Amino acid sequence: MMSEMMRIQIDLPRDIFELLKQRGEARGVTPAQQILEMLTLYLKEQDDPILRADDPIFNIAGATGSGVGDLSTHHDRYLYRKASP
């Protein structure tokens, strides 16, 4: 059973579209079919397609230091100028 199809419009650079068109002509499929197949494979292979363990964003954590040795345990003191219990 095929799921309901939803229409979406995207803009592609001309060179990418031409590559899809050439590849499709050689294989007998449309650019839309290729894009659908690629997205399906990509999404099924990824646990989290947005963030992965090797994502460079994770290199930011710990990249700088505060110089405060007890920041993790007394963060309220520094954030809200409150005494810690």
N, C-alpha and C. Protein backbone atom coordinates (compact mmCIF):
# COMPACT_ATOMS: atom_id res chain seq x y z
N MET A 1 0.83 -1.18 0.00
CA MET A 1 0.00 0.00 0.00
C MET A 1 0.88 1.25 0.00
N MET A 2 0.67 2.15 -0.92
CA MET A 2 1.45 3.36 -1.03
C MET A 2 0.86 4.44 -0.12
N SER A 3 1.73 5.15 0.58
CA SER A 3 1.24 6.22 1.45
C SER A 3 0.82 7.43 0.62
N GLU A 4 0.03 8.29 1.25
CA GLU A 4 -0.45 9.49 0.58
C GLU A 4 0.74 10.37 0.20
N MET A 5 0.75 10.87 -1.00
CA MET A 5 1.83 11.73 -1.48
C MET A 5 1.48 13.18 -1.21
N MET A 6 2.48 13.95 -0.82
CA MET A 6 2.32 15.37 -0.58
C MET A 6 3.20 16.11 -1.58
N ARG A 7 2.71 17.18 -2.13
CA ARG A 7 3.48 17.96 -3.10
C ARG A 7 4.35 18.96 -2.36
N ILE A 8 5.61 19.07 -2.81
CA ILE A 8 6.55 20.03 -2.25
C ILE A 8 7.33 20.63 -3.41
N GLN A 9 7.67 21.88 -3.28
CA GLN A 9 8.44 22.55 -4.33
C GLN A 9 9.78 22.98 -3.73
N ILE A 10 10.87 22.65 -4.43
CA ILE A 10 12.20 23.06 -3.97
C ILE A 10 12.94 23.69 -5.14
N ASP A 11 13.88 24.53 -4.82
CA ASP A 11 14.74 25.15 -5.83
C ASP A 11 16.09 24.45 -5.79
N LEU A 12 16.54 24.01 -6.95
CA LEU A 12 17.84 23.35 -7.06
C LEU A 12 18.75 24.18 -7.96
N PRO A 13 20.04 24.18 -7.68
CA PRO A 13 20.97 24.80 -8.62
C PRO A 13 20.88 24.07 -9.96
N ARG A 14 21.03 24.81 -11.04
CA ARG A 14 20.89 24.23 -12.38
C ARG A 14 21.82 23.03 -12.58
N ASP A 15 23.06 23.12 -12.09
CA ASP A 15 24.00 22.01 -12.31
C ASP A 15 23.54 20.73 -11.60
N ILE A 16 22.94 20.86 -10.42
CA ILE A 16 22.42 19.68 -9.71
C ILE A 16 21.24 19.09 -10.47
N PHE A 17 20.35 19.97 -10.95
CA PHE A 17 19.21 19.49 -11.72
C PHE A 17 19.67 18.76 -12.98
N GLU A 18 20.66 19.31 -13.65
CA GLU A 18 21.17 18.67 -14.88
C GLU A 18 21.77 17.30 -14.57
N LEU A 19 22.47 17.19 -13.45
CA LEU A 19 23.01 15.88 -13.07
C LEU A 19 21.89 14.88 -12.79
N LEU A 20 20.85 15.32 -12.09
CA LEU A 20 19.71 14.45 -11.84
C LEU A 20 19.04 14.03 -13.15
N LYS A 21 18.90 14.98 -14.04
CA LYS A 21 18.26 14.71 -15.33
C LYS A 21 19.07 13.69 -16.13
N GLN A 22 20.39 13.88 -16.21
CA GLN A 22 21.26 12.95 -16.95
C GLN A 22 21.22 11.56 -16.32
N ARG A 23 21.33 11.53 -15.02
CA ARG A 23 21.31 10.24 -14.30
C ARG A 23 19.96 9.55 -14.52
N GLY A 24 18.90 10.32 -14.47
CA GLY A 24 17.57 9.78 -14.66
C GLY A 24 17.34 9.23 -16.06
N GLU A 25 17.84 9.93 -17.05
CA GLU A 25 17.70 9.46 -18.44
C GLU A 25 18.42 8.13 -18.62
N ALA A 26 19.58 8.00 -17.99
CA ALA A 26 20.35 6.75 -18.11
C ALA A 26 19.67 5.59 -17.39
N ARG A 27 18.90 5.90 -16.35
CA ARG A 27 18.27 4.84 -15.54
C ARG A 27 16.76 4.73 -15.76
N GLY A 28 16.21 5.66 -16.51
CA GLY A 28 14.78 5.61 -16.79
C GLY A 28 13.90 6.07 -15.63
N VAL A 29 14.41 7.02 -14.85
CA VAL A 29 13.62 7.57 -13.74
C VAL A 29 13.65 9.09 -13.78
N THR A 30 12.65 9.70 -13.19
CA THR A 30 12.56 11.16 -13.19
C THR A 30 13.42 11.73 -12.05
N PRO A 31 13.75 13.03 -12.15
CA PRO A 31 14.44 13.67 -11.03
C PRO A 31 13.65 13.54 -9.72
N ALA A 32 12.33 13.68 -9.77
CA ALA A 32 11.51 13.57 -8.57
C ALA A 32 11.62 12.18 -7.95
N GLN A 33 11.64 11.15 -8.76
CA GLN A 33 11.77 9.78 -8.24
C GLN A 33 13.14 9.59 -7.58
N GLN A 34 14.17 10.16 -8.18
CA GLN A 34 15.50 10.05 -7.60
C GLN A 34 15.59 10.76 -6.25
N ILE A 35 15.02 11.96 -6.17
CA ILE A 35 15.05 12.72 -4.94
C ILE A 35 14.30 11.98 -3.84
N LEU A 36 13.15 11.42 -4.17
CA LEU A 36 12.37 10.66 -3.20
C LEU A 36 13.15 9.45 -2.70
N GLU A 37 13.79 8.75 -3.61
CA GLU A 37 14.59 7.57 -3.23
C GLU A 37 15.76 7.98 -2.34
N MET A 38 16.45 9.06 -2.71
CA MET A 38 17.60 9.51 -1.92
C MET A 38 17.18 9.95 -0.52
N LEU A 39 16.09 10.70 -0.43
CA LEU A 39 15.61 11.13 0.89
C LEU A 39 15.18 9.95 1.74
N THR A 40 14.52 9.00 1.14
CA THR A 40 14.08 7.82 1.87
C THR A 40 15.28 7.05 2.44
N LEU A 41 16.28 6.82 1.60
CA LEU A 41 17.49 6.12 2.06
C LEU A 41 18.20 6.90 3.15
N TYR A 42 18.33 8.20 2.96
CA TYR A 42 19.02 9.04 3.94
C TYR A 42 18.31 9.00 5.29
N LEU A 43 17.00 9.17 5.28
CA LEU A 43 16.26 9.21 6.53
C LEU A 43 16.22 7.86 7.23
N LYS A 44 16.20 6.76 6.48
CA LYS A 44 16.19 5.44 7.10
C LYS A 44 17.54 5.07 7.69
N GLU A 45 18.63 5.60 7.13
CA GLU A 45 19.97 5.28 7.62
C GLU A 45 20.36 6.08 8.84
N GLN A 46 19.70 7.18 9.10
CA GLN A 46 20.07 8.07 10.19
C GLN A 46 19.17 7.86 11.40
N ASP A 47 19.79 7.74 12.58
CA ASP A 47 19.01 7.73 13.81
C ASP A 47 18.42 9.11 14.04
N ASP A 48 19.24 10.12 13.85
CA ASP A 48 18.84 11.50 13.98
C ASP A 48 19.45 12.24 12.80
N PRO A 49 18.67 12.47 11.74
CA PRO A 49 19.26 13.06 10.54
C PRO A 49 19.76 14.48 10.71
N ILE A 50 19.37 15.13 11.79
CA ILE A 50 19.80 16.51 11.98
C ILE A 50 21.13 16.58 12.73
N LEU A 51 21.21 15.96 13.88
CA LEU A 51 22.44 15.98 14.67
C LEU A 51 23.00 14.57 14.82
N ARG A 52 24.28 14.43 14.50
CA ARG A 52 24.96 13.16 14.67
C ARG A 52 26.10 13.35 15.65
N ALA A 53 26.61 12.25 16.18
CA ALA A 53 27.68 12.31 17.18
C ALA A 53 28.92 13.03 16.66
N ASP A 54 29.18 12.97 15.35
CA ASP A 54 30.37 13.62 14.81
C ASP A 54 30.07 15.02 14.27
N ASP A 55 28.91 15.58 14.61
CA ASP A 55 28.55 16.92 14.16
C ASP A 55 29.51 17.93 14.78
N PRO A 56 30.08 18.84 14.00
CA PRO A 56 31.03 19.82 14.52
C PRO A 56 30.47 20.71 15.63
N ILE A 57 29.16 20.82 15.73
CA ILE A 57 28.57 21.66 16.78
C ILE A 57 28.98 21.18 18.17
N PHE A 58 29.22 19.88 18.30
CA PHE A 58 29.59 19.34 19.60
C PHE A 58 31.01 19.72 20.01
N ASN A 59 31.82 20.20 19.08
CA ASN A 59 33.17 20.66 19.41
C ASN A 59 33.15 21.98 20.16
N ILE A 60 32.02 22.67 20.15
CA ILE A 60 31.91 23.95 20.83
C ILE A 60 31.93 23.77 22.35
N ALA A 61 31.27 22.71 22.82
CA ALA A 61 31.20 22.47 24.26
C ALA A 61 32.61 22.30 24.82
N GLY A 62 32.93 23.06 25.81
CA GLY A 62 34.23 22.97 26.44
C GLY A 62 35.34 23.66 25.69
N ALA A 63 35.01 24.36 24.61
CA ALA A 63 36.04 25.02 23.81
C ALA A 63 36.66 26.20 24.56
N THR A 64 35.92 26.78 25.47
CA THR A 64 36.46 27.86 26.29
C THR A 64 36.19 27.53 27.75
N GLY A 65 36.86 28.21 28.63
CA GLY A 65 36.67 27.98 30.05
C GLY A 65 36.25 29.26 30.75
N SER A 66 35.58 29.12 31.86
CA SER A 66 35.14 30.28 32.63
C SER A 66 36.20 30.72 33.63
N GLY A 67 37.08 29.80 33.96
CA GLY A 67 38.06 30.10 34.99
C GLY A 67 37.51 29.92 36.40
N VAL A 68 36.23 29.56 36.48
CA VAL A 68 35.58 29.35 37.78
C VAL A 68 35.53 27.85 38.03
N GLY A 69 36.19 27.39 39.07
CA GLY A 69 36.31 25.96 39.32
C GLY A 69 35.04 25.28 39.80
N ASP A 70 34.12 26.03 40.42
CA ASP A 70 32.92 25.41 40.97
C ASP A 70 31.65 25.80 40.21
N LEU A 71 31.79 26.19 38.97
CA LEU A 71 30.66 26.67 38.18
C LEU A 71 29.56 25.63 38.02
N SER A 72 29.93 24.38 37.82
CA SER A 72 28.90 23.36 37.60
C SER A 72 28.08 23.07 38.85
N THR A 73 28.69 23.20 40.01
CA THR A 73 27.95 22.90 41.24
C THR A 73 27.29 24.13 41.84
N HIS A 74 27.80 25.30 41.57
CA HIS A 74 27.24 26.54 42.15
C HIS A 74 26.80 27.52 41.06
N HIS A 75 26.23 26.99 39.99
CA HIS A 75 25.85 27.85 38.86
C HIS A 75 24.81 28.90 39.24
N ASP A 76 23.89 28.58 40.17
CA ASP A 76 22.88 29.57 40.57
C ASP A 76 23.55 30.82 41.18
N ARG A 77 24.59 30.59 41.92
CA ARG A 77 25.31 31.71 42.53
C ARG A 77 25.79 32.68 41.44
N TYR A 78 26.31 32.14 40.35
CA TYR A 78 26.86 32.98 39.29
C TYR A 78 25.79 33.54 38.35
N LEU A 79 24.74 32.76 38.13
CA LEU A 79 23.69 33.22 37.24
C LEU A 79 22.74 34.22 37.90
N TYR A 80 22.38 33.93 39.13
CA TYR A 80 21.33 34.73 39.78
C TYR A 80 21.85 35.48 41.02
N ARG A 81 23.15 35.39 41.26
CA ARG A 81 23.78 36.03 42.41
C ARG A 81 23.09 35.61 43.71
N LYS A 82 22.76 34.31 43.77
CA LYS A 82 22.12 33.74 44.95
C LYS A 82 23.14 32.88 45.70
N ALA A 83 22.97 32.80 46.96
CA ALA A 83 23.82 31.89 47.74
C ALA A 83 23.37 30.47 47.51
N SER A 84 24.32 29.55 47.33
CA SER A 84 23.99 28.13 47.14
C SER A 84 23.71 27.51 48.50
N PRO A 85 22.83 26.52 48.56
CA PRO A 85 22.53 25.86 49.85
C PRO A 85 23.70 25.07 50.37
